[in-house]
Protein backbone atom coordinates (compact mmCIF):
# COMPACT_ATOMS: atom_id res chain seq x y z
CA UNK A 1 119.82 118.13 118.65
CA UNK A 2 117.14 115.56 117.56
CA UNK A 3 115.54 113.29 119.76
CA UNK A 4 116.11 110.15 117.25
CA UNK A 5 120.16 110.71 117.70
CA UNK A 6 121.20 107.31 119.29
CA UNK A 7 124.00 109.30 120.99
CA UNK A 8 121.71 111.58 122.70
CA UNK A 9 119.46 108.86 123.66
CA UNK A 10 122.32 106.90 125.16
CA UNK A 11 123.59 109.98 127.07
CA UNK A 12 120.12 110.59 128.57
CA UNK A 13 119.47 106.93 129.89
CA UNK A 14 122.39 107.11 131.26
CA UNK A 15 122.54 110.22 133.16
CA UNK A 16 119.02 108.86 134.20
CA UNK A 17 119.92 105.42 135.66
CA UNK A 18 123.38 107.47 137.33
CA UNK A 19 121.09 110.31 138.73
CA UNK A 20 118.40 108.04 140.02
CA UNK A 21 120.90 105.66 142.12
CA UNK A 22 122.53 108.93 143.44
CA UNK A 23 118.96 110.50 144.24
CA UNK A 24 118.03 106.87 146.30
CA UNK A 25 121.00 107.11 147.94
CA UNK A 26 119.97 110.82 148.72
CA UNK A 27 116.66 109.73 150.09
CA UNK A 28 117.99 106.76 152.38
CA UNK A 29 120.21 108.93 154.06
CA UNK A 30 118.00 112.22 154.10
CA UNK A 31 114.30 111.28 153.59
CA UNK A 32 113.88 113.48 150.88
CA UNK A 33 111.91 111.48 148.00
CA UNK A 34 113.86 111.29 144.49
CA UNK A 35 111.16 111.38 142.26
CA UNK A 36 110.74 115.24 142.63
CA UNK A 37 114.66 115.59 141.46
CA UNK A 38 114.36 113.19 138.33
CA UNK A 39 111.22 115.52 137.23
CA UNK A 40 113.67 118.82 137.56
CA UNK A 41 115.99 116.83 135.46
CA UNK A 42 113.28 116.10 132.68
CA UNK A 43 112.14 119.46 132.83
CA UNK A 44 115.53 121.13 132.53
CA UNK A 45 116.27 118.47 129.66
CA UNK A 46 113.10 119.85 128.02
CA UNK A 47 111.07 122.64 128.81
CA UNK A 48 114.11 124.55 130.39
CA UNK A 49 117.16 123.99 128.25
CA UNK A 50 115.38 122.80 125.37
CA UNK A 51 117.88 119.93 124.44
CA UNK A 52 114.79 117.95 123.68
CA UNK A 53 111.43 119.26 121.97
CA UNK A 54 108.90 118.29 123.98
CA UNK A 55 106.53 117.56 121.16
CA UNK A 56 108.66 115.40 119.50
CA UNK A 57 108.21 112.57 122.39
CA UNK A 58 104.23 113.14 122.86
CA UNK A 59 103.49 110.57 120.06
CA UNK A 60 105.36 107.74 122.36
CA UNK A 61 103.75 108.65 125.60
CA UNK A 62 100.77 105.90 124.61
CA UNK A 63 103.34 103.15 124.31
CA UNK A 64 105.79 104.25 127.01
CA UNK A 65 102.92 104.36 129.55
CA UNK A 66 102.17 101.04 128.77
CA UNK A 67 105.48 99.46 129.28
CA UNK A 68 106.18 101.20 132.57
CA UNK A 69 102.53 100.06 133.53
CA UNK A 70 103.29 96.45 132.66
CA UNK A 71 106.88 96.40 134.37
CA UNK A 72 106.05 98.35 137.46
CA UNK A 73 102.42 96.55 138.23
CA UNK A 74 104.16 93.61 137.62
CA UNK A 75 107.10 94.42 140.23
CA UNK A 76 104.36 95.75 142.99
CA UNK A 77 102.13 92.46 142.16
CA UNK A 78 105.31 90.20 143.24
CA UNK A 79 105.80 92.14 146.38
CA UNK A 80 102.18 91.57 147.52
CA UNK A 81 100.89 89.20 149.81
CA UNK A 82 98.18 87.62 148.45
CA UNK A 83 96.12 87.42 151.88
CA UNK A 84 96.92 91.17 152.25
CA UNK A 85 95.10 91.78 149.07
CA UNK A 86 91.89 89.68 149.98
CA UNK A 87 92.03 91.87 153.03
CA UNK A 88 92.49 95.20 151.78
CA UNK A 89 90.23 94.78 148.57
CA UNK A 90 87.00 96.21 149.89
CA UNK A 91 88.70 99.10 151.72
CA UNK A 92 90.95 100.03 148.33
CA UNK A 93 87.66 99.75 146.26
CA UNK A 94 85.84 102.46 148.19
CA UNK A 95 88.94 104.69 148.73
CA UNK A 96 89.18 104.55 144.85
CA UNK A 97 85.47 105.23 144.16
CA UNK A 98 85.02 107.92 146.61
CA UNK A 99 88.45 109.50 145.91
CA UNK A 100 87.87 109.95 142.12
CA UNK A 101 84.19 110.88 142.58
CA UNK A 102 85.04 113.64 145.04
CA UNK A 103 88.10 114.83 142.49
CA UNK A 104 85.68 114.62 139.35
CA UNK A 105 82.67 116.53 141.20
CA UNK A 106 85.17 119.35 142.42
CA UNK A 107 87.11 119.90 139.72
CA UNK A 108 84.09 120.22 137.48
CA UNK A 109 82.43 122.71 139.42
CA UNK A 110 85.60 124.74 140.01
CA UNK A 111 85.84 124.83 136.01
CA UNK A 112 82.70 125.43 135.19
CA UNK A 113 82.67 128.46 137.70
CA UNK A 114 86.37 129.40 137.43
CA UNK A 115 87.09 128.96 133.62
CA UNK A 116 83.46 129.49 132.58
CA UNK A 117 83.75 126.33 130.73
CA UNK A 118 80.46 123.82 130.06
CA UNK A 119 80.04 120.69 132.06
CA UNK A 120 81.12 117.85 129.97
CA UNK A 121 84.26 119.89 129.55
CA UNK A 122 84.62 120.16 133.49
CA UNK A 123 83.49 116.62 133.81
CA UNK A 124 86.02 115.53 131.24
CA UNK A 125 88.82 117.44 132.44
CA UNK A 126 88.23 115.95 136.49
CA UNK A 127 88.08 112.42 135.16
CA UNK A 128 91.46 112.91 133.37
CA UNK A 129 93.30 114.27 136.71
CA UNK A 130 90.60 111.87 138.98
CA UNK A 131 93.28 109.69 140.54
CA UNK A 132 96.73 108.76 141.80
CA UNK A 133 99.12 107.01 139.23
CA UNK A 134 99.92 103.66 140.12
CA UNK A 135 103.64 104.24 138.28
CA UNK A 136 104.46 106.95 141.14
CA UNK A 137 102.33 105.53 144.16
CA UNK A 138 104.10 102.25 144.00
CA UNK A 139 107.22 104.27 143.64
CA UNK A 140 106.68 106.08 146.63
CA UNK A 141 105.25 103.51 148.65
CA UNK A 142 108.15 101.25 148.16
CA UNK A 143 110.05 104.21 150.17
CA UNK A 144 107.71 104.66 153.13
CA UNK A 145 107.60 102.32 155.99
CA UNK A 146 104.08 101.80 156.04
CA UNK A 147 102.40 99.00 157.35
CA UNK A 148 101.80 96.01 154.86
CA UNK A 149 98.31 96.05 154.66
CA UNK A 150 98.32 100.50 153.98
CA UNK A 151 100.47 99.48 151.28
CA UNK A 152 98.64 96.79 149.41
CA UNK A 153 95.52 99.00 150.08
CA UNK A 154 97.06 102.37 148.43
CA UNK A 155 98.60 99.70 145.52
CA UNK A 156 94.97 98.47 144.99
CA UNK A 157 93.44 101.80 145.27
CA UNK A 158 95.82 103.05 142.43
CA UNK A 159 95.18 100.27 140.17
CA UNK A 160 90.91 100.67 140.61
CA UNK A 161 91.00 104.23 140.17
CA UNK A 162 93.46 103.99 137.10
CA UNK A 163 90.58 101.77 135.31
CA UNK A 164 88.35 104.45 136.18
CA UNK A 165 89.87 107.04 135.13
CA UNK A 166 90.71 105.64 131.49
CA UNK A 167 87.06 104.40 131.22
CA UNK A 168 85.27 107.29 132.29
CA UNK A 169 87.60 109.90 130.51
CA UNK A 170 87.10 108.14 127.08
CA UNK A 171 83.29 107.45 127.73
CA UNK A 172 83.35 111.21 128.20
CA UNK A 173 85.30 111.90 125.17
CA UNK A 174 82.78 109.74 123.18
CA UNK A 175 79.84 111.56 124.66
CA UNK A 176 81.09 114.52 122.29
CA UNK A 177 80.19 112.51 119.37
CA UNK A 178 76.93 111.05 120.70
CA UNK A 179 76.09 113.11 124.00
CA UNK A 180 74.37 110.15 125.67
CA UNK A 181 76.32 109.20 128.79
CA UNK A 182 74.83 106.15 130.69
CA UNK A 183 76.82 105.79 134.26
CA UNK A 184 75.58 102.07 134.44
CA UNK A 185 76.95 101.52 131.25
CA UNK A 186 80.42 102.86 132.56
CA UNK A 187 80.19 101.06 135.82
CA UNK A 188 79.74 97.91 134.21
CA UNK A 189 83.03 98.64 132.02
CA UNK A 190 85.05 99.38 134.76
CA UNK A 191 83.64 95.63 136.74
CA UNK A 192 84.47 94.03 133.37
CA UNK A 193 87.63 95.03 132.66
CA UNK A 194 89.03 94.26 136.16
CA UNK A 195 87.42 91.19 136.61
CA UNK A 196 88.80 89.65 132.99
CA UNK A 197 92.37 91.00 133.80
CA UNK A 198 92.56 89.65 137.49
CA UNK A 199 90.93 86.26 136.49
CA UNK A 200 93.03 85.95 133.16
CA UNK A 201 96.55 86.87 134.81
CA UNK A 202 95.98 84.95 137.68
CA UNK A 203 95.01 81.85 136.13
CA UNK A 204 98.02 82.46 133.78
CA UNK A 205 100.43 83.18 136.72
CA UNK A 206 99.45 80.28 138.51
CA UNK A 207 99.92 77.69 135.40
CA UNK A 208 103.20 79.44 134.41
CA UNK A 209 104.04 78.61 138.32
CA UNK A 210 104.20 74.92 137.07
CA UNK A 211 106.01 75.94 133.68
CA UNK A 212 108.62 77.27 135.74
CA UNK A 213 109.67 73.90 137.51
CA UNK A 214 110.55 72.76 134.61
CA UNK A 215 112.49 76.00 133.61
CA UNK A 216 114.00 76.95 136.79
CA UNK A 217 117.49 75.71 135.91
CA UNK A 218 117.47 76.72 132.65
CA UNK A 219 119.12 80.38 131.31
CA UNK A 220 116.82 83.08 130.03
CA UNK A 221 113.63 81.76 132.13
CA UNK A 222 113.06 85.37 133.09
CA UNK A 223 113.17 86.81 129.88
CA UNK A 224 110.70 84.15 129.00
CA UNK A 225 108.39 84.98 132.04
CA UNK A 226 108.67 88.78 130.73
CA UNK A 227 107.86 87.92 127.27
CA UNK A 228 104.71 86.14 128.49
CA UNK A 229 103.80 88.78 130.74
CA UNK A 230 103.89 91.14 127.71
CA UNK A 231 101.35 88.75 125.99
CA UNK A 232 98.93 88.61 128.49
CA UNK A 233 99.00 92.43 128.79
CA UNK A 234 98.32 92.42 125.22
CA UNK A 235 95.42 89.78 125.18
CA UNK A 236 94.04 90.99 127.95
CA UNK A 237 93.78 94.86 126.53
CA UNK A 238 92.14 93.20 123.30
CA UNK A 239 89.42 90.99 124.78
CA UNK A 240 88.07 94.20 126.81
CA UNK A 241 89.67 93.70 129.86
CA UNK A 242 92.51 95.79 131.75
CA UNK A 243 96.13 94.90 130.87
CA UNK A 244 97.43 96.88 133.99
CA UNK A 245 95.65 94.50 136.42
CA UNK A 246 96.55 91.48 134.47
CA UNK A 247 100.12 92.36 134.75
CA UNK A 248 99.15 93.04 138.57
CA UNK A 249 97.71 89.37 139.14
CA UNK A 250 100.04 88.10 136.88
CA UNK A 251 103.14 89.46 139.32
CA UNK A 252 100.65 88.41 142.11
CA UNK A 253 100.77 84.73 141.47
CA UNK A 254 104.54 84.61 140.76
CA UNK A 255 105.07 86.51 144.31
CA UNK A 256 103.12 83.95 146.54
CA UNK A 257 104.24 80.64 144.99
CA UNK A 258 103.82 79.27 148.67
CA UNK A 259 100.29 80.16 148.54
CA UNK A 260 99.61 78.54 145.04
CA UNK A 261 101.59 75.64 145.98
CA UNK A 262 99.23 75.12 149.35
CA UNK A 263 96.00 75.16 147.03
CA UNK A 264 96.99 72.85 144.60
CA UNK A 265 98.48 70.62 147.50
CA UNK A 266 101.74 70.69 145.33
CA UNK A 267 105.33 70.00 147.26
CA UNK A 268 107.35 72.95 146.45
CA UNK A 269 110.70 71.27 145.53
CA UNK A 270 112.75 74.22 144.25
CA UNK A 271 111.43 78.32 143.91
CA UNK A 272 110.47 79.03 140.58
CA UNK A 273 110.29 82.82 140.68
CA UNK A 274 114.02 82.73 142.39
CA UNK A 275 115.71 85.91 144.11
CA UNK A 276 117.82 86.32 141.08
CA UNK A 277 114.93 86.72 138.92
CA UNK A 278 113.10 89.04 141.50
CA UNK A 279 116.06 91.02 141.84
CA UNK A 280 117.02 91.44 138.07
CA UNK A 281 113.25 92.44 137.68
CA UNK A 282 113.63 95.02 140.38
CA UNK A 283 116.85 96.34 138.69
CA UNK A 284 114.39 96.71 135.21
CA UNK A 285 111.70 98.25 137.50
CA UNK A 286 114.15 100.72 139.19
CA UNK A 287 114.98 102.17 135.57
CA UNK A 288 111.69 102.26 133.85
CA UNK A 289 110.51 104.48 137.03
CA UNK A 290 113.34 106.73 137.03
CA UNK A 291 112.88 107.09 133.32
CA UNK A 292 109.12 107.41 133.74
CA UNK A 293 109.72 110.24 135.60
CA UNK A 294 112.33 111.74 133.39
CA UNK A 295 110.20 111.70 130.79
CA UNK A 296 107.01 113.47 132.66
CA UNK A 297 109.39 116.40 132.89
CA UNK A 298 110.31 116.10 129.25
CA UNK A 299 106.96 116.56 127.61
CA UNK A 300 105.98 118.99 130.04
CA UNK A 301 104.23 122.04 128.05
CA UNK A 302 102.63 125.42 129.36
CA UNK A 303 101.95 128.73 127.35
CA UNK A 304 101.36 131.24 130.07
CA UNK A 305 101.84 131.80 134.02
CA UNK A 306 97.82 132.30 134.10
CA UNK A 307 97.51 128.24 133.39
CA UNK A 308 100.50 127.56 136.12
CA UNK A 309 98.27 129.49 138.99
CA UNK A 310 94.90 127.52 137.75
CA UNK A 311 96.69 124.30 138.01
CA UNK A 312 98.01 125.12 141.25
CA UNK A 313 94.53 126.08 142.84
CA UNK A 314 93.32 122.86 141.27
CA UNK A 315 95.99 120.57 142.56
CA UNK A 316 95.01 122.13 146.03
CA UNK A 317 91.64 120.85 145.45
CA UNK A 318 92.61 117.48 144.59
CA UNK A 319 94.62 117.25 147.88
CA UNK A 320 91.58 118.61 149.59
CA UNK A 321 89.47 115.89 147.95
CA UNK A 322 92.03 113.10 149.00
CA UNK A 323 92.18 114.34 152.79
CA UNK A 324 88.37 113.91 152.68
CA UNK A 325 88.46 110.64 151.05
CA UNK A 326 90.87 109.41 153.29
CA UNK A 327 89.60 110.41 156.45
CA UNK A 328 86.09 108.97 155.92
CA UNK A 329 87.24 105.79 154.17
CA UNK A 330 89.20 104.78 156.79
CA UNK A 331 86.97 105.04 159.77
CA UNK A 332 86.80 102.03 161.69
CA UNK A 333 89.72 100.59 160.14
CA UNK A 334 93.32 99.42 161.12
CA UNK A 335 94.46 102.18 158.50
CA UNK A 336 93.71 104.64 160.22
CA UNK A 337 96.83 104.95 161.96
CA UNK A 338 98.63 105.19 158.82
CA UNK A 339 96.46 108.08 157.55
CA UNK A 340 99.54 110.49 157.91
CA UNK A 341 101.30 108.85 154.95
CA UNK A 342 97.76 108.06 152.68
CA UNK A 343 96.76 112.00 152.53
CA UNK A 344 99.86 112.30 150.70
CA UNK A 345 99.29 109.96 147.64
CA UNK A 346 97.69 112.32 145.22
CA UNK A 347 100.68 112.15 142.32
CA UNK A 348 99.49 112.07 139.09
CA UNK A 349 101.55 110.78 136.33
CA UNK A 350 101.42 109.12 132.40
CA UNK A 351 97.97 108.32 132.23
CA UNK A 352 96.32 111.81 132.65
CA UNK A 353 99.42 113.12 130.29
CA UNK A 354 97.95 110.30 127.61
CA UNK A 355 94.39 111.60 127.83
CA UNK A 356 94.94 114.95 127.80
CA UNK A 357 96.90 114.43 124.44
CA UNK A 358 94.49 112.10 123.32
CA UNK A 359 91.77 114.81 124.02
CA UNK A 360 93.63 117.37 121.95
CA UNK A 361 94.04 115.06 118.97
CA UNK A 362 90.50 114.44 119.19
CA UNK A 363 89.73 118.12 118.87
CA UNK A 364 92.27 118.25 116.20
CA UNK A 365 90.17 115.68 114.36
CA UNK A 366 86.81 116.73 115.12
CA UNK A 367 87.08 120.77 115.62
CA UNK A 368 83.15 120.75 115.60
CA UNK A 369 82.39 118.51 118.15
CA UNK A 370 85.09 119.89 120.69
CA UNK A 371 86.59 123.17 121.14
CA UNK A 372 90.06 123.01 120.31
CA UNK A 373 90.75 126.15 122.48
CA UNK A 374 89.35 123.98 125.34
CA UNK A 375 91.47 121.02 124.26
CA UNK A 376 94.81 122.71 124.84
CA UNK A 377 93.92 124.44 127.80
CA UNK A 378 92.62 120.81 129.49
CA UNK A 379 96.34 119.66 128.11
CA UNK A 380 98.52 121.90 129.52
CA UNK A 381 96.20 122.20 132.82
CA UNK A 382 97.34 118.92 133.39
CA UNK A 383 100.72 118.91 132.87
CA UNK A 384 100.83 121.68 135.65
CA UNK A 385 98.52 119.22 137.85
CA UNK A 386 100.93 116.38 137.40
CA UNK A 387 104.07 118.74 138.45
CA UNK A 388 102.06 120.52 141.76
CA UNK A 389 100.75 117.05 142.88
CA UNK A 390 104.28 115.19 142.58
CA UNK A 391 105.45 118.01 144.41
CA UNK A 392 102.99 118.00 147.25
CA UNK A 393 103.50 114.57 147.54
CA UNK A 394 107.18 114.87 147.37
CA UNK A 395 106.73 117.60 150.29
CA UNK A 396 104.17 115.64 152.18
CA UNK A 397 105.92 112.20 152.24
CA UNK A 398 109.05 113.86 153.18
CA UNK A 399 107.71 115.49 156.10
CA UNK A 400 105.94 112.19 157.08
CA UNK A 401 109.09 110.11 156.89
CA UNK A 402 110.91 112.77 159.21
CA UNK A 403 108.06 112.91 161.74
CA UNK A 404 106.18 109.62 162.09
CA UNK A 405 108.68 107.03 160.88
CA UNK A 406 110.94 107.19 163.50
CA UNK A 407 108.44 107.12 166.24
CA UNK A 408 106.53 103.99 164.77
CA UNK A 409 110.24 102.47 164.72
CA UNK A 410 110.46 103.03 168.52
CA UNK A 411 107.33 101.28 169.02
CA UNK A 412 108.36 98.75 166.14
CA UNK A 413 111.64 97.73 165.28
CA UNK A 414 110.64 95.79 162.73
CA UNK A 415 109.48 98.31 160.31
């Protein structure tokens, strides 16, 4: 069937919502994460039963990933406490930088020695799969009973690392055209994106706090808020900032009205972004998260069993890098007690998928600059790593939930 057939699209979206609800209920009763079931559903529709040709969906991956990031990160920002963000920013940055560096170096070393690639190819692949994706980290953290501080750090880490992945991967890809890579320039670009996105998101979010005071009793105020988020995301990306960061901080401003009111000495007469608006946004976020997981399964493409084996080995190496980075970065921190949950935050997602498709497109456009054979292997390995790391995360968080959470609840009933 053609992917553009309206009846098929409506059926898939309807089943996604239905299964998302059912698997979420199963999770609440058994502790088995629902992410893996939605991913398997996508795998069945795409590579399994071939209801949809995965190649037809690859072209919309960049657009869909941007929409998913905006909605999910805005939702995450609304749920985060401003004080916790300020307190956790240092550890989150440390964890993101060390985790990304360890992942890139270890994967580069393995691919050079195992696959016989050149160093730049190894670094490029390492950068593509170098961080856990915010979409899935937010999804999993929401379902784990971690301390608020730990959840905030994990969310911030995923966002910071995502920016690093995109900037570094694209810089390495550009190096095939002009082989001069300046680490200082890359670091500056990452910092610039974070600052522009964060400042713009907070400023517009704060201003929107006052606008909502006049709109709070009017219909469609939520849709207007969502429109502003779309505009901020686009403008931020076009002026050199990070759209995902702007969405996160815009949501952070909306979710911390009390802090904003206190900061400006403003008396709150009514909650602007009220529970109705938050509930509606949470419903949209639920749908986008479920659809993102199904979509990942739909676009999964591999050509042989050897790719699966190599991808599984690389995924285990990424997990080992995660173990080391979490252990080192939580020394002397209150995060130490939640290490057991933090270890499993390894799921890769849409950003690596989009970047791997970008590499393949680049190779087809400039075959004299980058080997098409290597680009295809990078693309296929990326999809295997996505699947394997989500599987590791699913198994690990299930084990953690069964072993650790009951004992925490016994000592702290508020969890």
